[in-house]
């Protein structure tokens, strides 16, 4: 039985957020690149996959691997130092996790000891507006949930390691803010949630999307897209959570059903659901299947506890 929201400790929300991100990412990974129509037509019901995946091990992708890097950077230094964060990404980098072409180029340059910052500027003229900064930013929302201004600064700094476009940066700030709200709130208030996110958004595109999402009725769904672009996926992932905020399985299932960038939609939605429901709100069967190698389930859980300890230190200094 899921604990009532007012019985969920802050530490449990930290643990639920990072583990919820990893499980969602792993559940969405097998469908990445497929259209929603293909998933609906050619596969068993997504709800069946989420409730009881026909997989011995749930293997996470670059989404979780990079989120782990962000959390490690925060635990080590208490804030985002861009060079240190880049090194965390480099140390954790496993090309087989599904990294995009641009990010592989950047991380390969780091691995070779070459200058990587010019690549960030040159690979995407005007800067990347992909959802990569948003998919990994949840640990910042946890660590700075008590300080909105600091959260914005840290989220923007973390994004700029790889994303320089205003939409890519804004998406990271919005997701971090969404996590922070859920850690702070004992009872979920959908209207207040979207109102705060809209005020946080710096770009007109996200302001419009969040205003529109905030007007939806309970169980009313709308897609703002499900592709790699931040402004065509992030608000959709957030809406998957808000429409089914009391069920982790429903949240993840809805994210996957949109197709395309399914791992990232499910990772973002899973992080939000886990932050809201706490670790006890995550299905034990899914947690048991999450990979548990050197930086698998147990490591992520301990990392969340360490991040909570760092928050206690930051909050009281």
Protein backbone atom coordinates (compact mmCIF):
# COMPACT_ATOMS: atom_id res chain seq x y z
CA UNK A 1 0.00 0.00 0.00
CA UNK A 2 1.37 3.41 -1.00
CA UNK A 3 2.00 5.75 1.90
CA UNK A 4 -0.14 8.86 2.16
CA UNK A 5 1.75 11.90 0.80
CA UNK A 6 2.08 13.49 4.26
CA UNK A 7 3.76 10.29 5.49
CA UNK A 8 6.48 10.37 2.85
CA UNK A 9 9.80 11.65 4.11
CA UNK A 10 12.00 13.95 2.07
CA UNK A 11 14.62 11.23 1.84
CA UNK A 12 12.02 8.80 0.48
CA UNK A 13 11.13 11.36 -2.19
CA UNK A 14 14.81 11.67 -3.17
CA UNK A 15 15.07 7.89 -3.46
CA UNK A 16 11.78 7.59 -5.31
CA UNK A 17 12.76 10.30 -7.77
CA UNK A 18 16.10 8.81 -8.87
CA UNK A 19 14.89 5.22 -8.89
CA UNK A 20 11.64 6.24 -10.60
CA UNK A 21 13.68 7.96 -13.30
CA UNK A 22 15.85 4.86 -13.87
CA UNK A 23 12.94 2.41 -13.98
CA UNK A 24 10.91 4.65 -16.31
CA UNK A 25 13.90 5.08 -18.58
CA UNK A 26 14.47 1.32 -18.72
CA UNK A 27 10.79 0.57 -19.36
CA UNK A 28 10.63 3.08 -22.20
CA UNK A 29 13.90 2.03 -23.84
CA UNK A 30 12.61 -0.97 -25.86
CA UNK A 31 10.13 1.26 -27.71
CA UNK A 32 12.42 4.19 -28.51
CA UNK A 33 12.02 5.40 -32.09
CA UNK A 34 8.70 3.64 -32.71
CA UNK A 35 5.57 5.59 -33.41
CA UNK A 36 2.67 5.46 -30.98
CA UNK A 37 0.60 3.78 -33.69
CA UNK A 38 3.21 1.04 -34.14
CA UNK A 39 3.42 0.42 -30.39
CA UNK A 40 -0.36 0.16 -30.18
CA UNK A 41 -0.70 -2.06 -33.26
CA UNK A 42 2.26 -4.42 -33.08
CA UNK A 43 2.89 -4.99 -29.37
CA UNK A 44 0.96 -6.29 -26.38
CA UNK A 45 -0.74 -3.55 -24.33
CA UNK A 46 1.75 -1.11 -22.82
CA UNK A 47 -0.01 -1.47 -19.48
CA UNK A 48 0.97 -5.16 -19.53
CA UNK A 49 4.60 -4.27 -20.28
CA UNK A 50 4.73 -1.78 -17.41
CA UNK A 51 2.95 -4.02 -14.92
CA UNK A 52 5.00 -7.13 -15.71
CA UNK A 53 7.73 -6.55 -18.31
CA UNK A 54 8.81 -9.63 -20.24
CA UNK A 55 12.45 -8.84 -19.47
CA UNK A 56 14.79 -10.46 -17.00
CA UNK A 57 16.60 -7.15 -16.43
CA UNK A 58 15.46 -3.56 -16.94
CA UNK A 59 18.47 -1.82 -18.48
CA UNK A 60 18.65 1.95 -18.31
CA UNK A 61 19.96 4.28 -21.03
CA UNK A 62 22.05 7.44 -21.25
CA UNK A 63 19.20 9.34 -19.55
CA UNK A 64 19.86 7.64 -16.23
CA UNK A 65 23.61 7.45 -16.70
CA UNK A 66 23.80 11.23 -17.10
CA UNK A 67 21.40 11.86 -14.21
CA UNK A 68 23.72 9.74 -12.07
CA UNK A 69 26.57 12.00 -13.19
CA UNK A 70 24.66 15.11 -12.12
CA UNK A 71 23.89 13.58 -8.71
CA UNK A 72 27.52 12.53 -8.25
CA UNK A 73 28.71 16.04 -9.10
CA UNK A 74 26.36 17.52 -6.50
CA UNK A 75 27.34 15.02 -3.81
CA UNK A 76 31.03 15.67 -4.46
CA UNK A 77 30.97 19.46 -4.60
CA UNK A 78 27.58 20.70 -3.41
CA UNK A 79 26.97 22.60 -6.66
CA UNK A 80 27.41 22.28 -10.39
CA UNK A 81 30.91 22.98 -11.59
CA UNK A 82 30.74 22.57 -15.38
CA UNK A 83 34.19 21.04 -15.73
CA UNK A 84 33.55 18.62 -12.89
CA UNK A 85 30.15 17.69 -14.34
CA UNK A 86 31.73 17.07 -17.72
CA UNK A 87 34.23 14.75 -16.06
CA UNK A 88 31.42 12.87 -14.31
CA UNK A 89 29.79 12.38 -17.70
CA UNK A 90 33.11 11.22 -19.18
CA UNK A 91 33.85 8.71 -16.42
CA UNK A 92 30.38 7.16 -16.62
CA UNK A 93 30.16 7.19 -20.42
CA UNK A 94 29.18 3.90 -22.05
CA UNK A 95 28.44 4.40 -25.75
CA UNK A 96 26.07 1.43 -25.80
CA UNK A 97 23.62 3.25 -23.53
CA UNK A 98 22.10 5.01 -26.55
CA UNK A 99 23.75 8.42 -26.57
CA UNK A 100 22.85 10.74 -29.43
CA UNK A 101 25.35 11.51 -32.17
CA UNK A 102 26.24 14.99 -30.95
CA UNK A 103 26.75 13.93 -27.36
CA UNK A 104 28.85 10.96 -28.46
CA UNK A 105 31.13 13.37 -30.34
CA UNK A 106 31.51 15.53 -27.25
CA UNK A 107 32.14 12.63 -24.88
CA UNK A 108 34.53 10.95 -27.31
CA UNK A 109 36.50 14.20 -27.40
CA UNK A 110 36.65 14.21 -23.61
CA UNK A 111 37.78 10.58 -23.60
CA UNK A 112 40.60 11.45 -26.00
CA UNK A 113 41.68 14.41 -23.89
CA UNK A 114 40.71 16.90 -26.59
CA UNK A 115 39.05 20.27 -26.10
CA UNK A 116 35.32 19.65 -26.02
CA UNK A 117 33.72 23.02 -25.33
CA UNK A 118 34.07 24.31 -28.92
CA UNK A 119 32.23 21.18 -30.08
CA UNK A 120 29.22 22.13 -27.97
CA UNK A 121 29.03 25.44 -29.84
CA UNK A 122 29.79 24.10 -33.32
CA UNK A 123 27.76 20.87 -33.49
CA UNK A 124 24.43 22.69 -33.10
CA UNK A 125 24.45 26.22 -34.55
CA UNK A 126 22.53 28.36 -32.08
CA UNK A 127 22.77 25.62 -29.48
CA UNK A 128 21.02 22.30 -29.00
CA UNK A 129 17.32 22.48 -28.11
CA UNK A 130 17.13 18.76 -27.42
CA UNK A 131 15.68 17.33 -24.21
CA UNK A 132 19.03 15.95 -22.98
CA UNK A 133 19.55 18.60 -20.30
CA UNK A 134 15.99 18.09 -19.02
CA UNK A 135 16.23 14.30 -18.85
CA UNK A 136 19.18 14.40 -16.40
CA UNK A 137 18.33 17.43 -14.24
CA UNK A 138 16.15 15.81 -11.55
CA UNK A 139 18.97 15.65 -8.94
CA UNK A 140 19.20 19.46 -9.06
CA UNK A 141 15.49 19.73 -8.33
CA UNK A 142 16.05 17.53 -5.30
CA UNK A 143 19.18 19.22 -3.97
CA UNK A 144 17.85 22.78 -4.28
CA UNK A 145 14.13 22.29 -3.74
CA UNK A 146 14.31 24.83 -0.88
CA UNK A 147 15.87 27.63 -2.98
CA UNK A 148 14.22 28.57 -6.28
CA UNK A 149 16.87 31.05 -7.37
CA UNK A 150 19.74 28.68 -6.65
CA UNK A 151 17.88 25.88 -8.41
CA UNK A 152 17.53 28.02 -11.55
CA UNK A 153 21.21 28.92 -11.54
CA UNK A 154 22.36 25.34 -11.01
CA UNK A 155 19.97 23.90 -13.60
CA UNK A 156 21.04 26.46 -16.21
CA UNK A 157 24.70 25.78 -15.50
CA UNK A 158 24.19 22.03 -15.80
CA UNK A 159 22.38 22.44 -19.12
CA UNK A 160 25.07 24.60 -20.68
CA UNK A 161 27.62 21.80 -20.54
CA UNK A 162 25.87 20.42 -23.64
CA UNK A 163 22.86 22.65 -24.44
CA UNK A 164 23.13 26.34 -25.31
CA UNK A 165 19.74 27.00 -26.91
CA UNK A 166 17.21 28.84 -24.69
CA UNK A 167 14.65 26.04 -25.15
CA UNK A 168 17.07 23.33 -24.05
CA UNK A 169 18.05 25.37 -21.01
CA UNK A 170 14.49 26.36 -20.15
CA UNK A 171 13.37 22.73 -20.28
CA UNK A 172 16.01 21.79 -17.71
CA UNK A 173 14.91 24.57 -15.35
CA UNK A 174 11.27 23.56 -15.72
CA UNK A 175 11.86 19.87 -14.95
CA UNK A 176 14.09 20.72 -11.97
CA UNK A 177 11.39 23.07 -10.69
CA UNK A 178 8.71 20.41 -11.14
CA UNK A 179 10.75 17.99 -9.02
CA UNK A 180 11.28 20.66 -6.37
CA UNK A 181 7.56 21.40 -6.10
CA UNK A 182 6.77 17.72 -5.58
CA UNK A 183 9.36 17.38 -2.84
CA UNK A 184 7.93 20.44 -1.08
CA UNK A 185 4.23 19.61 -1.45
CA UNK A 186 2.52 17.20 0.93
CA UNK A 187 -0.62 17.23 -1.19
CA UNK A 188 -0.51 17.57 -4.97
CA UNK A 189 -2.29 20.66 -6.31
CA UNK A 190 -2.34 20.46 -10.08
CA UNK A 191 -3.37 24.07 -10.75
CA UNK A 192 -0.75 25.47 -8.38
CA UNK A 193 1.85 23.12 -9.86
CA UNK A 194 1.32 24.40 -13.41
CA UNK A 195 1.03 28.00 -12.26
CA UNK A 196 4.47 27.82 -10.64
CA UNK A 197 5.98 26.11 -13.68
CA UNK A 198 4.52 28.76 -15.99
CA UNK A 199 6.05 31.51 -13.87
CA UNK A 200 9.37 29.67 -13.97
CA UNK A 201 9.41 29.30 -17.76
CA UNK A 202 11.53 31.87 -19.58
CA UNK A 203 10.49 31.10 -23.17
CA UNK A 204 7.14 31.89 -24.78
CA UNK A 205 6.83 28.34 -26.13
CA UNK A 206 6.98 26.74 -22.69
CA UNK A 207 4.85 29.45 -21.10
CA UNK A 208 2.09 28.69 -23.64
CA UNK A 209 2.40 24.93 -23.21
CA UNK A 210 2.30 25.07 -19.42
CA UNK A 211 -0.61 27.51 -19.42
CA UNK A 212 -2.50 25.15 -21.77
CA UNK A 213 -1.66 22.06 -19.70
CA UNK A 214 -2.79 23.82 -16.55
CA UNK A 215 -6.27 24.28 -18.02
CA UNK A 216 -6.83 20.57 -18.68
CA UNK A 217 -9.49 18.76 -16.74
CA UNK A 218 -8.59 15.69 -14.63
CA UNK A 219 -7.83 12.69 -16.89
CA UNK A 220 -7.84 14.99 -19.95
CA UNK A 221 -4.72 14.43 -22.03
CA UNK A 222 -2.99 16.45 -24.71
CA UNK A 223 0.30 15.83 -26.50
CA UNK A 224 2.80 18.59 -27.14
CA UNK A 225 4.95 16.09 -29.01
CA UNK A 226 7.21 13.18 -28.09
CA UNK A 227 10.37 13.78 -30.11
CA UNK A 228 13.94 14.60 -29.11
CA UNK A 229 13.25 18.34 -29.14
CA UNK A 230 12.77 19.75 -25.64
CA UNK A 231 9.69 21.77 -26.61
CA UNK A 232 8.22 18.69 -28.29
CA UNK A 233 8.53 16.27 -25.38
CA UNK A 234 9.11 17.80 -21.94
CA UNK A 235 5.63 19.22 -21.31
CA UNK A 236 4.10 15.99 -22.61
CA UNK A 237 6.13 14.03 -20.05
CA UNK A 238 5.05 16.40 -17.28
CA UNK A 239 1.40 16.03 -18.32
CA UNK A 240 1.68 12.23 -18.23
CA UNK A 241 2.53 12.61 -14.56
CA UNK A 242 -0.09 15.21 -13.65
CA UNK A 243 -2.95 13.33 -15.31
CA UNK A 244 -2.13 10.10 -13.43
CA UNK A 245 -0.18 11.39 -10.47
CA UNK A 246 -1.33 8.69 -8.05
CA UNK A 247 -0.11 5.77 -10.20
CA UNK A 248 3.48 5.22 -11.25
CA UNK A 249 2.45 2.49 -13.72
CA UNK A 250 -0.19 4.65 -15.40
CA UNK A 251 2.22 7.57 -15.64
CA UNK A 252 4.90 5.47 -17.33
CA UNK A 253 2.43 3.65 -19.56
CA UNK A 254 1.01 6.91 -20.91
CA UNK A 255 4.49 8.25 -21.59
CA UNK A 256 5.43 5.17 -23.60
CA UNK A 257 2.19 5.16 -25.60
CA UNK A 258 3.12 8.42 -27.32
CA UNK A 259 6.03 6.68 -29.01
CA UNK A 260 9.23 8.21 -30.43
CA UNK A 261 11.52 9.33 -27.55
CA UNK A 262 9.90 6.91 -25.14
CA UNK A 263 12.84 6.43 -22.79
CA UNK A 264 13.21 10.14 -22.11
CA UNK A 265 9.49 10.79 -21.72
CA UNK A 266 9.25 7.87 -19.29
CA UNK A 267 12.42 8.94 -17.44
CA UNK A 268 11.14 12.48 -16.83
CA UNK A 269 7.63 11.29 -15.96
CA UNK A 270 9.09 8.57 -13.73
CA UNK A 271 11.28 11.03 -11.85
CA UNK A 272 8.25 13.22 -11.14
CA UNK A 273 6.08 10.29 -10.10
CA UNK A 274 8.81 8.95 -7.82
CA UNK A 275 9.34 12.35 -6.21
CA UNK A 276 5.61 12.56 -5.52
CA UNK A 277 4.92 9.00 -4.39
CA UNK A 278 8.26 8.29 -2.72
CA UNK A 279 10.23 5.09 -3.07
CA UNK A 280 7.40 3.05 -1.52
CA UNK A 281 5.16 4.17 -4.38
CA UNK A 282 7.33 2.38 -6.94
CA UNK A 283 6.22 -1.19 -7.78
CA UNK A 284 8.61 -3.62 -6.01
CA UNK A 285 8.50 -5.99 -8.99
CA UNK A 286 9.89 -3.27 -11.26
CA UNK A 287 12.56 -2.19 -8.79
CA UNK A 288 13.68 -5.80 -8.42
CA UNK A 289 14.24 -6.04 -12.18
CA UNK A 290 16.24 -2.82 -12.48
CA UNK A 291 19.85 -3.59 -13.39
CA UNK A 292 22.10 -3.80 -10.36
CA UNK A 293 25.68 -3.62 -11.59
CA UNK A 294 28.33 -1.18 -10.29
CA UNK A 295 26.02 1.82 -10.86
CA UNK A 296 22.73 0.03 -10.82
CA UNK A 297 19.78 -0.07 -8.44
CA UNK A 298 21.62 -0.23 -5.11
CA UNK A 299 24.14 2.40 -6.14
CA UNK A 300 21.40 4.78 -7.33
CA UNK A 301 19.50 4.27 -4.09
CA UNK A 302 22.60 5.03 -2.00
CA UNK A 303 23.37 8.02 -4.23
CA UNK A 304 19.89 9.41 -3.51
CA UNK A 305 20.51 9.02 0.24
CA UNK A 306 23.89 10.78 -0.12
CA UNK A 307 22.23 13.56 -2.09
CA UNK A 308 19.67 13.96 0.68
CA UNK A 309 22.50 14.23 3.21
CA UNK A 310 24.10 16.90 1.03
CA UNK A 311 20.76 18.77 0.91
CA UNK A 312 20.58 18.68 4.71
CA UNK A 313 24.08 20.15 4.80
CA UNK A 314 23.26 22.85 2.21
CA UNK A 315 19.91 23.68 3.77
CA UNK A 316 21.35 24.30 7.22
CA UNK A 317 24.38 26.36 6.16
